[in-house]
Protein backbone atom coordinates (compact mmCIF):
# COMPACT_ATOMS: atom_id res chain seq x y z
CA TRP A 1 -18.53 32.47 22.39
CA LEU A 2 -19.16 30.16 19.62
CA THR A 3 -20.10 32.41 17.33
CA LEU A 4 -16.80 34.82 17.35
CA MET A 5 -14.67 32.76 14.87
CA ALA A 6 -15.10 35.37 11.96
CA LYS A 7 -14.98 38.20 14.72
CA ARG A 8 -12.00 40.54 16.48
CA ILE A 9 -11.38 40.14 19.93
CA PHE A 10 -9.62 43.01 21.55
CA SER A 11 -8.44 43.83 25.56
CA GLY A 12 -5.86 45.54 27.08
CA ILE A 13 -4.34 45.41 30.85
CA GLN A 14 -2.27 47.89 32.50
CA PRO A 15 1.03 46.99 33.18
CA SER A 16 1.09 46.59 36.74
CA GLY A 17 4.07 44.55 37.24
CA SER A 18 3.25 40.36 38.51
CA ALA A 19 -0.56 40.14 37.75
CA HIS A 20 -2.06 38.51 41.12
CA LEU A 21 -5.16 36.00 41.58
CA GLY A 22 -7.81 38.37 40.75
CA ASN A 23 -6.24 39.78 37.59
CA TYR A 24 -6.09 35.79 36.72
CA LEU A 25 -9.46 34.62 37.32
CA GLY A 26 -11.36 37.81 36.77
CA ALA A 27 -9.56 38.08 32.92
CA LEU A 28 -6.54 36.55 31.87
CA ARG A 29 -7.95 32.95 32.52
CA ASN A 30 -10.96 34.11 29.66
CA TRP A 31 -8.23 35.48 27.62
CA VAL A 32 -6.68 32.17 26.85
CA LYS A 33 -9.86 30.37 26.41
CA LEU A 34 -11.24 33.17 23.79
CA GLN A 35 -8.18 32.14 21.33
CA ASP A 36 -10.55 28.42 21.07
CA VAL A 37 -13.05 30.57 19.52
CA SER A 38 -11.58 33.38 17.63
CA THR A 39 -8.74 33.27 14.95
CA ASP A 40 -7.99 37.28 15.01
CA VAL A 41 -7.19 38.14 18.53
CA MET A 42 -5.16 41.01 19.81
CA TYR A 43 -4.02 41.72 23.55
CA SER A 44 -2.41 45.04 24.71
CA VAL A 45 0.01 46.04 27.41
CA VAL A 46 -1.62 49.65 27.40
CA ASP A 47 1.64 51.11 29.27
CA LEU A 48 0.55 54.68 28.12
CA HIS A 49 -2.78 54.31 30.18
CA ALA A 50 -0.50 53.95 32.98
CA LEU A 51 1.07 57.32 32.38
CA THR A 52 -1.91 59.11 34.11
CA VAL A 53 -0.14 59.00 37.24
CA PRO A 54 3.26 59.52 38.22
CA GLN A 55 5.88 56.50 36.94
CA ALA A 56 9.43 55.39 37.54
CA PRO A 57 10.91 55.07 33.97
CA VAL A 58 13.00 51.62 35.29
CA LEU A 59 10.18 50.33 37.06
CA LEU A 60 7.56 51.06 34.27
CA ARG A 61 9.62 49.31 31.72
CA LYS A 62 10.11 46.14 34.44
CA ASN A 63 6.23 46.43 34.69
CA ILE A 64 5.59 46.43 30.90
CA ILE A 65 7.86 43.21 30.85
CA ASP A 66 6.93 41.26 33.75
CA MET A 67 3.31 41.87 32.90
CA THR A 68 3.69 40.12 29.36
CA SER A 69 5.49 37.70 30.99
CA CYS A 70 2.25 36.80 32.98
CA LEU A 71 0.16 36.59 29.59
CA LEU A 72 2.35 34.13 28.25
CA ALA A 73 2.82 32.21 31.35
CA CYS A 74 -0.95 31.84 31.77
CA GLY A 75 -1.12 30.57 28.38
CA VAL A 76 -2.11 33.34 25.81
CA ASN A 77 0.02 32.05 22.83
CA PRO A 78 2.01 34.77 20.03
CA GLN A 79 1.20 32.01 17.67
CA ARG A 80 -2.72 32.33 18.26
CA SER A 81 -2.67 35.88 19.11
CA ILE A 82 -0.81 39.31 18.41
CA ILE A 83 0.23 40.23 22.13
CA PHE A 84 2.00 44.06 21.94
CA GLN A 85 2.95 47.02 23.83
CA GLN A 86 0.27 49.40 23.14
CA SER A 87 2.84 52.62 22.89
CA GLN A 88 4.94 51.01 20.19
CA VAL A 89 1.78 51.67 17.91
CA PRO A 90 1.70 55.47 17.62
CA ALA A 91 -1.36 55.84 16.18
CA HIS A 92 -3.49 55.01 19.10
CA CYS A 93 -2.65 58.35 20.16
CA GLU A 94 -3.41 59.39 16.62
CA LEU A 95 -6.80 57.95 16.84
CA SER A 96 -7.56 58.94 20.22
CA TRP A 97 -7.12 63.14 19.44
CA ILE A 98 -9.49 62.25 16.32
CA LEU A 99 -11.81 60.77 18.21
CA SER A 100 -11.56 63.42 21.08
CA CYS A 101 -12.84 65.84 18.91
CA CYS A 102 -16.51 64.01 18.88
CA THR A 103 -16.25 63.15 22.44
CA PRO A 104 -18.80 65.48 24.45
CA MET A 105 -17.14 66.63 27.55
CA GLY A 106 -20.35 66.06 29.56
CA ARG A 107 -20.16 62.37 28.74
CA LEU A 108 -17.03 62.45 30.15
CA ASN A 109 -17.82 64.47 33.39
CA ARG A 110 -20.16 61.73 34.02
CA MET A 111 -17.86 58.58 33.94
CA THR A 112 -17.76 57.11 37.53
CA GLN A 113 -14.45 56.77 37.84
CA TRP A 114 -13.91 60.60 36.96
CA LYS A 115 -16.68 61.54 39.41
CA ALA A 116 -15.29 59.27 42.25
CA LYS A 117 -11.52 61.16 41.70
CA GLY A 118 -13.04 64.49 41.15
CA ALA A 119 -14.22 63.78 44.61
CA THR A 120 -10.98 63.34 46.43
CA ASP A 121 -8.83 65.33 44.70
CA ASN A 122 -8.06 69.11 43.80
CA ARG A 123 -9.70 69.37 40.03
CA ASP A 124 -6.89 72.07 39.95
CA ILE A 125 -4.18 69.66 39.83
CA ILE A 126 -5.59 66.46 38.11
CA ASN A 127 -3.95 65.92 35.28
CA LEU A 128 -5.83 66.16 31.62
CA GLY A 129 -4.99 62.14 31.29
CA LEU A 130 -7.09 61.04 34.01
CA PHE A 131 -10.01 63.01 32.28
CA SER A 132 -9.19 61.93 28.92
CA TYR A 133 -8.08 58.55 28.93
CA PRO A 134 -11.83 56.86 28.32
CA VAL A 135 -11.15 58.28 24.99
CA LEU A 136 -7.78 56.57 24.56
CA MET A 137 -9.43 53.71 25.27
CA THR A 138 -11.79 53.88 23.24
CA ALA A 139 -9.10 54.42 20.92
CA ASP A 140 -7.81 50.94 21.76
CA ILE A 141 -10.78 49.55 21.03
CA LEU A 142 -12.09 51.22 17.58
CA LEU A 143 -8.41 51.15 15.88
CA TYR A 144 -8.75 47.60 15.33
CA ARG A 145 -12.35 47.25 14.46
CA ALA A 146 -12.74 45.27 17.26
CA THR A 147 -16.04 43.35 17.43
CA HIS A 148 -15.77 42.33 20.87
CA VAL A 149 -14.25 43.14 23.99
CA PRO A 150 -13.64 40.91 26.95
CA VAL A 151 -14.52 43.13 29.81
CA GLY A 152 -15.20 43.45 33.60
CA ASP A 153 -18.69 44.89 34.79
CA ASP A 154 -16.53 47.89 36.11
CA GLN A 155 -15.39 48.62 32.60
CA LEU A 156 -18.64 48.56 31.20
CA GLN A 157 -18.96 52.28 30.96
CA HIS A 158 -15.76 52.64 29.04
CA LEU A 159 -17.07 50.15 26.69
CA GLU A 160 -20.60 52.10 26.09
CA LEU A 161 -18.72 55.38 25.57
CA ALA A 162 -16.52 53.60 22.63
CA ARG A 163 -20.23 52.20 21.28
CA ASP A 164 -21.29 55.35 21.29
CA VAL A 165 -18.49 57.48 19.67
CA ALA A 166 -18.61 54.67 17.08
CA ARG A 167 -22.35 54.83 16.42
CA SER A 168 -21.77 59.05 16.62
CA PHE A 169 -18.88 59.22 13.82
CA ASN A 170 -20.67 56.29 11.75
CA SER A 171 -23.85 58.50 11.80
CA GLN A 172 -22.07 62.36 11.16
CA TYR A 173 -19.98 61.15 8.16
CA LEU A 174 -22.89 58.70 6.83
CA VAL A 175 -20.54 55.35 6.83
CA GLU A 176 -20.72 52.12 8.59
CA PHE A 177 -16.63 52.49 9.57
CA PHE A 178 -16.39 51.70 12.95
CA PRO A 179 -18.23 48.36 14.34
CA ASP A 180 -20.38 48.46 17.29
CA PRO A 181 -17.86 46.72 19.80
CA LYS A 182 -19.92 44.08 22.02
CA PRO A 183 -18.57 42.86 25.75
CA LEU A 184 -17.83 39.96 26.33
CA LEU A 185 -18.39 39.04 30.31
CA GLY A 186 -17.49 35.43 29.98
CA GLU A 187 -17.08 33.90 33.60
CA VAL A 188 -16.31 36.79 35.55
CA HIS A 189 -14.71 36.18 39.09
CA ARG A 190 -14.60 39.38 41.24
CA VAL A 191 -11.93 38.53 43.32
CA MET A 192 -11.44 40.66 46.45
CA SER A 193 -8.60 41.77 48.90
CA LEU A 194 -7.60 39.12 51.31
CA ARG A 195 -7.34 41.75 54.31
CA ASN A 196 -9.79 44.24 52.93
CA PRO A 197 -13.07 41.96 51.50
CA LEU A 198 -14.84 45.26 50.65
CA GLN A 199 -12.59 46.21 48.18
CA LYS A 200 -11.50 44.31 45.13
CA MET A 201 -7.98 42.71 44.74
CA SER A 202 -5.58 44.91 43.74
CA LYS A 203 -1.77 45.81 43.30
CA SER A 204 -2.35 49.46 44.12
CA ASP A 205 -2.56 48.51 48.01
CA ASN A 206 0.97 48.78 49.42
CA GLN A 207 0.41 45.60 51.39
CA GLU A 208 1.94 42.34 50.13
CA LEU A 209 -1.05 40.34 51.84
CA THR A 210 -3.54 42.01 50.29
CA ARG A 211 -3.30 39.61 47.30
CA ILE A 212 -1.91 36.31 45.63
CA ASN A 213 0.69 37.40 42.47
CA LEU A 214 1.02 34.83 40.24
CA SER A 215 4.82 34.63 41.03
CA ASP A 216 4.44 33.90 44.87
CA THR A 217 5.97 31.34 46.22
CA PRO A 218 4.27 28.41 48.06
CA ASP A 219 4.92 29.95 51.13
CA GLN A 220 4.27 33.01 50.27
CA ILE A 221 0.82 31.59 49.22
CA ARG A 222 0.55 29.69 52.66
CA ASN A 223 0.81 32.82 54.79
CA LYS A 224 -1.43 35.66 52.79
CA ILE A 225 -4.47 33.25 52.71
CA ARG A 226 -3.75 32.00 56.17
CA LYS A 227 -3.92 35.92 57.65
CA SER A 228 -6.33 36.61 55.74
CA VAL A 229 -9.77 38.84 56.98
CA THR A 230 -12.51 35.88 58.13
CA ASP A 231 -14.62 36.36 60.96
CA CYS A 232 -15.75 34.94 64.08
CA VAL A 233 -18.41 32.71 63.19
CA SER A 234 -17.18 28.80 63.53
CA ASN A 235 -18.89 27.65 60.53
CA ILE A 236 -18.59 27.96 56.66
CA THR A 237 -21.40 29.84 55.01
CA TYR A 238 -21.60 31.80 51.91
CA ASP A 239 -23.03 35.25 52.64
CA PRO A 240 -20.88 38.08 50.68
CA ASP A 241 -23.01 40.93 52.64
CA THR A 242 -22.44 39.70 56.35
CA ARG A 243 -19.54 37.62 55.87
CA PRO A 244 -17.46 39.10 53.25
CA GLY A 245 -14.06 37.67 53.80
CA ILE A 246 -15.25 34.26 54.06
CA SER A 247 -17.09 34.37 51.06
CA ASN A 248 -14.57 35.85 48.97
CA LEU A 249 -12.45 32.48 50.16
CA ILE A 250 -15.20 30.35 48.95
CA SER A 251 -15.45 32.22 45.48
CA ILE A 252 -11.59 31.80 45.04
CA TYR A 253 -12.42 27.90 45.51
CA SER A 254 -15.11 28.00 43.49
CA ALA A 255 -13.25 29.75 40.92
CA ILE A 256 -10.82 27.82 40.35
CA THR A 257 -12.74 24.22 40.78
CA GLY A 258 -15.17 24.97 39.11
CA ALA A 259 -17.52 23.59 41.95
CA SER A 260 -20.61 25.94 42.92
CA HIS A 261 -20.44 28.63 46.27
CA GLN A 262 -23.30 25.40 47.84
CA GLU A 263 -21.19 22.54 46.82
CA VAL A 264 -17.86 24.33 48.29
CA VAL A 265 -20.05 24.83 51.36
CA ASP A 266 -21.13 21.37 51.85
CA MET A 267 -17.66 20.12 51.89
CA PHE A 268 -17.31 21.50 54.79
CA ILE A 269 -19.90 20.83 56.81
CA GLY A 270 -19.00 20.72 60.68
CA LYS A 271 -15.61 22.59 59.93
CA GLN A 272 -14.14 26.12 60.37
CA SER A 273 -12.46 28.72 58.45
CA VAL A 274 -9.43 27.06 59.30
CA ASP A 275 -9.96 23.76 57.74
CA LEU A 276 -11.06 26.19 54.48
CA LYS A 277 -7.72 28.23 54.39
CA ASP A 278 -5.54 25.18 55.00
CA THR A 279 -7.57 22.86 51.94
CA LEU A 280 -7.63 26.33 49.86
CA VAL A 281 -4.03 26.62 50.36
CA ASP A 282 -3.18 23.16 48.64
CA ILE A 283 -5.97 24.46 45.83
CA VAL A 284 -4.26 27.55 45.05
CA THR A 285 -0.52 26.60 45.32
CA ASP A 286 -1.48 23.54 42.75
CA HIS A 287 -3.20 25.71 40.00
CA LEU A 288 -0.47 28.20 40.31
CA LYS A 289 2.56 25.89 40.06
CA PRO A 290 2.92 25.61 36.21
CA ILE A 291 2.12 29.58 35.75
CA ARG A 292 4.86 30.58 37.99
CA GLU A 293 7.48 27.70 36.89
CA THR A 294 6.33 29.30 33.41
CA LEU A 295 7.67 32.87 34.75
CA MET A 296 10.87 31.92 36.76
CA ARG A 297 11.56 30.41 33.17
CA LEU A 298 10.81 33.59 31.04
CA GLU A 299 12.98 35.64 33.71
CA GLU A 300 15.77 33.61 32.35
CA ASP A 301 14.39 34.56 28.85
CA LEU A 302 13.79 37.93 28.82
CA GLY A 303 15.30 37.98 25.18
CA TYR A 304 12.30 36.19 23.96
CA VAL A 305 9.45 38.21 25.89
CA GLU A 306 10.68 41.31 24.07
CA THR A 307 10.79 39.74 20.74
CA VAL A 308 7.00 38.76 21.16
CA LEU A 309 6.34 42.31 21.80
CA ASP A 310 8.13 43.57 18.70
CA GLU A 311 6.81 41.02 16.63
CA GLY A 312 3.29 41.93 18.35
CA ALA A 313 3.78 45.35 17.58
CA ARG A 314 4.51 44.65 13.64
CA LYS A 315 1.13 43.08 13.27
CA ALA A 316 -0.92 45.45 15.03
CA GLU A 317 0.85 48.16 13.44
CA LEU A 318 -0.36 46.79 10.00
CA LYS A 319 -3.67 46.69 11.38
CA ALA A 320 -3.75 50.32 12.37
CA ALA A 321 -2.20 51.59 9.24
CA GLU A 322 -5.14 50.28 7.58
CA THR A 323 -7.66 51.40 9.62
CA MET A 324 -5.64 55.04 9.63
CA PHE A 325 -5.67 55.13 5.99
CA GLU A 326 -9.27 54.51 5.28
CA LEU A 327 -10.22 56.82 8.28
CA LYS A 328 -7.95 59.92 7.04
CA ARG A 329 -9.36 59.54 3.76
CA LEU A 330 -12.53 59.67 5.19
CA LEU A 331 -11.71 62.95 7.44
CA GLY A 332 -10.00 64.75 3.99
CA LEU A 333 -7.01 64.51 5.58
CA HIS A 334 -5.64 62.91 2.46
C-alpha cells in the first residue's frame, strides 16, 4: 500500500441500509486506512446495482442515506475521499452501454454468481440486470480509470472481467486509454453468520440474529453473540472445517484485537464457549461504540449526509466527464 500515493483507488458498496460487522471488518475498515496511502480515493454507494431486485422507493432512499452515514461513521472522510451516489453520475450507465458492446455474452454466462442464480431461478423471468450487472461494475471502475480496487475474494472474478474489458478495448483501438486495475485485498476478514456459520454474514438474511449491525445497541450485541451457534465441545479451538461456529467468534475476536487465532485460543485455555462469548460481547461493544454514537448524531443531521453526497457527485462528475469526452473522441462519437 505504501506505493499507492499517486494512484486512484475506487470501490463501491450497495445500499443495504445500516452496514454490519462483516461489511466493516471485510471492507470499510480497509477503506478508511486507504485514505492514508493515497490522495485520490473514491467510494460510491452503488444504488443502481440494487435495482436488480425489486426495491421499495422510500426504503431504497433511506438505505442510501443509512449506508452513507455508515461510511462517515466508520471514518471515511469527505475531505480526503470522494463519497458519492452512483446514480447521480449518469456516465456510469453511458459507459456501461459502450462496454457492453465489447463484452462477450459467453464471458457473462460463466460468471459464478450468474451460474448460481440461473441454476435455481427460471431464466425466462430473471431480469437482464442480473445478467449484465458485471458490465456496470466494470464501468464503475473504468469510468474513473481507477488503478486499484479494494475487493473481497468473492469479487475477484468481477474485477478480472474489468481488467479483460480494459485490455480488449485498448487493443481494439490501439491505445492505452484504460489502466489495468489491480486488486487490493488488504486485511480481508470473512465474517460468517452468527446463526449459520457456513454462510457469510449478510443483510439479505431475514433473521436479525444472524448479524451484528453497526447501529446495534449494547443489549442487541450481547443478545446476538450469546445466541450465536457454536457446538457441544467444551474447550475452545480454532477449526473452521469442523467447528465453524466457535471459529467464527475467534475470527471476529482476532480481527478486532489484532491477536492471531492461536493467541485467542491460548487466552481461553480451560474455558468454555460462554466465556469467549462474554468477553467478545465487551470487545465488540467497545469497538463499535464510537461508530454507533456517530451514527446517532448523523441521524439528527441528515442534511449533512445529503450534502456529502451532492458534493461528492459534483467531484465525481468532473472526473467522469473527462473520461467520457476522451472516450467519445476515440470512438468517433464526436
